[in-house]
Amino acid sequence: MDKVNSAIRDLGTIRRMGIEALIEKLGPIGMVEFIRQFDSGYGDYTRERQEWLDGLDIETIVKQAEAKRN
């Protein structure tokens, strides 16, 4: 192990060095896009989707689509 790696003791230092490495290799936008891959989001998509779709029928969906189109 080299001196830099053996000197790393805390997660804050590891996090800072990781962000710096990502920015160096990917640039700031690439770094953000890379990190966003690991965001699991929040909420319960399945339950929320069911609530959102509950009671919708094809006629309502068609009317909403036509209204948006106009």
N, C-alpha and C. Protein backbone atom coordinates (compact mmCIF):
# COMPACT_ATOMS: atom_id res chain seq x y z
N MET A 1 0.84 -1.18 0.00
CA MET A 1 0.00 0.00 0.00
C MET A 1 0.88 1.24 0.00
N ASP A 2 0.52 2.23 -0.83
CA ASP A 2 1.35 3.43 -0.84
C ASP A 2 0.98 4.36 0.30
N LYS A 3 1.76 5.43 0.47
CA LYS A 3 1.56 6.33 1.61
C LYS A 3 0.19 7.01 1.58
N VAL A 4 -0.29 7.41 0.41
CA VAL A 4 -1.58 8.08 0.33
C VAL A 4 -2.69 7.17 0.81
N ASN A 5 -2.76 5.94 0.31
CA ASN A 5 -3.82 5.03 0.70
C ASN A 5 -3.74 4.63 2.17
N SER A 6 -2.54 4.45 2.70
CA SER A 6 -2.42 4.05 4.10
C SER A 6 -2.75 5.19 5.05
N ALA A 7 -2.70 6.44 4.54
CA ALA A 7 -2.99 7.59 5.39
C ALA A 7 -4.50 7.87 5.47
N ILE A 8 -5.29 7.29 4.58
CA ILE A 8 -6.73 7.54 4.59
C ILE A 8 -7.34 6.83 5.78
N ARG A 9 -7.98 7.60 6.64
CA ARG A 9 -8.54 7.01 7.85
C ARG A 9 -10.05 7.25 7.98
N ASP A 10 -10.56 8.33 7.43
CA ASP A 10 -11.96 8.65 7.66
C ASP A 10 -12.74 8.72 6.34
N LEU A 11 -14.03 8.50 6.43
CA LEU A 11 -14.88 8.48 5.26
C LEU A 11 -14.96 9.83 4.56
N GLY A 12 -14.85 10.91 5.32
CA GLY A 12 -14.87 12.25 4.72
C GLY A 12 -13.71 12.44 3.76
N THR A 13 -12.54 11.97 4.14
CA THR A 13 -11.36 12.07 3.27
C THR A 13 -11.53 11.19 2.04
N ILE A 14 -12.01 9.99 2.23
CA ILE A 14 -12.23 9.09 1.09
C ILE A 14 -13.24 9.69 0.14
N ARG A 15 -14.32 10.25 0.67
CA ARG A 15 -15.36 10.86 -0.16
C ARG A 15 -14.79 12.03 -0.95
N ARG A 16 -14.03 12.90 -0.30
CA ARG A 16 -13.44 14.07 -0.96
C ARG A 16 -12.50 13.64 -2.07
N MET A 17 -11.65 12.66 -1.79
CA MET A 17 -10.69 12.20 -2.79
C MET A 17 -11.41 11.52 -3.97
N GLY A 18 -12.48 10.80 -3.66
CA GLY A 18 -13.26 10.16 -4.72
C GLY A 18 -13.92 11.18 -5.64
N ILE A 19 -14.51 12.20 -5.04
CA ILE A 19 -15.13 13.27 -5.84
C ILE A 19 -14.09 13.96 -6.70
N GLU A 20 -12.95 14.25 -6.11
CA GLU A 20 -11.87 14.90 -6.88
C GLU A 20 -11.43 14.03 -8.05
N ALA A 21 -11.30 12.73 -7.83
CA ALA A 21 -10.89 11.81 -8.90
C ALA A 21 -11.94 11.76 -10.01
N LEU A 22 -13.22 11.71 -9.62
CA LEU A 22 -14.28 11.69 -10.61
C LEU A 22 -14.30 12.98 -11.43
N ILE A 23 -14.14 14.10 -10.77
CA ILE A 23 -14.12 15.38 -11.49
C ILE A 23 -12.93 15.43 -12.44
N GLU A 24 -11.79 14.95 -12.00
CA GLU A 24 -10.60 14.96 -12.85
C GLU A 24 -10.80 14.11 -14.10
N LYS A 25 -11.40 12.94 -13.95
CA LYS A 25 -11.57 12.02 -15.08
C LYS A 25 -12.81 12.29 -15.91
N LEU A 26 -13.91 12.70 -15.27
CA LEU A 26 -15.19 12.83 -15.96
C LEU A 26 -15.64 14.27 -16.15
N GLY A 27 -15.03 15.20 -15.44
CA GLY A 27 -15.52 16.57 -15.43
C GLY A 27 -16.67 16.69 -14.44
N PRO A 28 -17.05 17.92 -14.10
CA PRO A 28 -18.09 18.10 -13.08
C PRO A 28 -19.44 17.50 -13.47
N ILE A 29 -19.85 17.66 -14.71
CA ILE A 29 -21.15 17.13 -15.13
C ILE A 29 -21.12 15.61 -15.15
N GLY A 30 -20.04 15.03 -15.64
CA GLY A 30 -19.91 13.58 -15.65
C GLY A 30 -19.89 13.01 -14.25
N MET A 31 -19.26 13.73 -13.33
CA MET A 31 -19.22 13.29 -11.93
C MET A 31 -20.63 13.23 -11.37
N VAL A 32 -21.42 14.26 -11.61
CA VAL A 32 -22.80 14.29 -11.10
C VAL A 32 -23.61 13.16 -11.72
N GLU A 33 -23.48 12.96 -13.03
CA GLU A 33 -24.23 11.89 -13.68
C GLU A 33 -23.84 10.52 -13.13
N PHE A 34 -22.56 10.32 -12.85
CA PHE A 34 -22.10 9.06 -12.28
C PHE A 34 -22.73 8.84 -10.90
N ILE A 35 -22.69 9.83 -10.06
CA ILE A 35 -23.20 9.71 -8.70
C ILE A 35 -24.72 9.50 -8.70
N ARG A 36 -25.43 10.14 -9.63
CA ARG A 36 -26.89 10.01 -9.69
C ARG A 36 -27.33 8.58 -10.00
N GLN A 37 -26.46 7.77 -10.56
CA GLN A 37 -26.80 6.37 -10.84
C GLN A 37 -27.10 5.60 -9.57
N PHE A 38 -26.59 6.05 -8.46
CA PHE A 38 -26.72 5.32 -7.20
C PHE A 38 -27.84 5.84 -6.32
N ASP A 39 -28.62 6.82 -6.82
CA ASP A 39 -29.74 7.35 -6.07
C ASP A 39 -30.94 6.44 -6.26
N SER A 40 -31.42 5.87 -5.20
CA SER A 40 -32.55 4.93 -5.30
C SER A 40 -33.89 5.63 -5.30
N GLY A 41 -33.90 6.94 -5.18
CA GLY A 41 -35.16 7.67 -5.17
C GLY A 41 -35.85 7.54 -3.84
N TYR A 42 -37.14 7.80 -3.84
CA TYR A 42 -37.89 7.74 -2.60
C TYR A 42 -39.34 7.39 -2.92
N GLY A 43 -40.07 7.03 -1.91
CA GLY A 43 -41.47 6.70 -2.08
C GLY A 43 -41.68 5.26 -2.51
N ASP A 44 -42.95 4.94 -2.76
CA ASP A 44 -43.35 3.60 -3.18
C ASP A 44 -44.01 3.75 -4.54
N TYR A 45 -43.22 3.62 -5.61
CA TYR A 45 -43.70 3.86 -6.96
C TYR A 45 -44.91 2.98 -7.29
N THR A 46 -44.88 1.72 -6.92
CA THR A 46 -45.97 0.80 -7.26
C THR A 46 -47.28 1.25 -6.63
N ARG A 47 -47.24 1.60 -5.36
CA ARG A 47 -48.45 2.06 -4.67
C ARG A 47 -48.93 3.38 -5.25
N GLU A 48 -48.01 4.32 -5.45
CA GLU A 48 -48.38 5.63 -5.98
C GLU A 48 -48.95 5.52 -7.39
N ARG A 49 -48.38 4.66 -8.20
CA ARG A 49 -48.87 4.46 -9.57
C ARG A 49 -50.28 3.88 -9.54
N GLN A 50 -50.52 2.92 -8.67
CA GLN A 50 -51.84 2.32 -8.55
C GLN A 50 -52.88 3.37 -8.13
N GLU A 51 -52.51 4.22 -7.18
CA GLU A 51 -53.41 5.28 -6.74
C GLU A 51 -53.70 6.26 -7.88
N TRP A 52 -52.68 6.58 -8.65
CA TRP A 52 -52.81 7.52 -9.76
C TRP A 52 -53.70 6.94 -10.86
N LEU A 53 -53.53 5.67 -11.14
CA LEU A 53 -54.29 5.04 -12.22
C LEU A 53 -55.66 4.54 -11.79
N ASP A 54 -55.88 4.41 -10.48
CA ASP A 54 -57.14 3.88 -9.98
C ASP A 54 -58.30 4.73 -10.48
N GLY A 55 -59.26 4.10 -11.12
CA GLY A 55 -60.43 4.82 -11.60
C GLY A 55 -60.29 5.40 -12.98
N LEU A 56 -59.11 5.36 -13.58
CA LEU A 56 -58.95 5.85 -14.94
C LEU A 56 -59.43 4.80 -15.92
N ASP A 57 -60.22 5.25 -16.87
CA ASP A 57 -60.63 4.34 -17.93
C ASP A 57 -60.10 4.88 -19.26
N ILE A 58 -60.22 4.11 -20.30
CA ILE A 58 -59.64 4.47 -21.59
C ILE A 58 -60.26 5.76 -22.13
N GLU A 59 -61.55 5.98 -21.89
CA GLU A 59 -62.20 7.20 -22.38
C GLU A 59 -61.58 8.44 -21.73
N THR A 60 -61.33 8.37 -20.44
CA THR A 60 -60.71 9.49 -19.73
C THR A 60 -59.31 9.76 -20.27
N ILE A 61 -58.55 8.72 -20.47
CA ILE A 61 -57.18 8.86 -20.99
C ILE A 61 -57.21 9.50 -22.37
N VAL A 62 -58.13 9.06 -23.23
CA VAL A 62 -58.23 9.63 -24.59
C VAL A 62 -58.61 11.11 -24.50
N LYS A 63 -59.57 11.45 -23.65
CA LYS A 63 -59.99 12.85 -23.50
C LYS A 63 -58.82 13.72 -23.02
N GLN A 64 -58.05 13.22 -22.06
CA GLN A 64 -56.91 13.98 -21.57
C GLN A 64 -55.86 14.16 -22.65
N ALA A 65 -55.62 13.13 -23.44
CA ALA A 65 -54.65 13.23 -24.53
C ALA A 65 -55.11 14.23 -25.58
N GLU A 66 -56.38 14.20 -25.91
CA GLU A 66 -56.92 15.15 -26.90
C GLU A 66 -56.87 16.57 -26.38
N ALA A 67 -57.15 16.76 -25.12
CA ALA A 67 -57.09 18.09 -24.51
C ALA A 67 -55.66 18.65 -24.55
N LYS A 68 -54.69 17.81 -24.29
CA LYS A 68 -53.29 18.26 -24.35
C LYS A 68 -52.88 18.61 -25.76
N ARG A 69 -53.37 17.83 -26.70
CA ARG A 69 -53.01 18.05 -28.10
C ARG A 69 -53.54 19.39 -28.58
N ASN A 70 -54.72 19.80 -28.09
CA ASN A 70 -55.36 21.07 -28.54
C ASN A 70 -54.90 22.26 -27.79
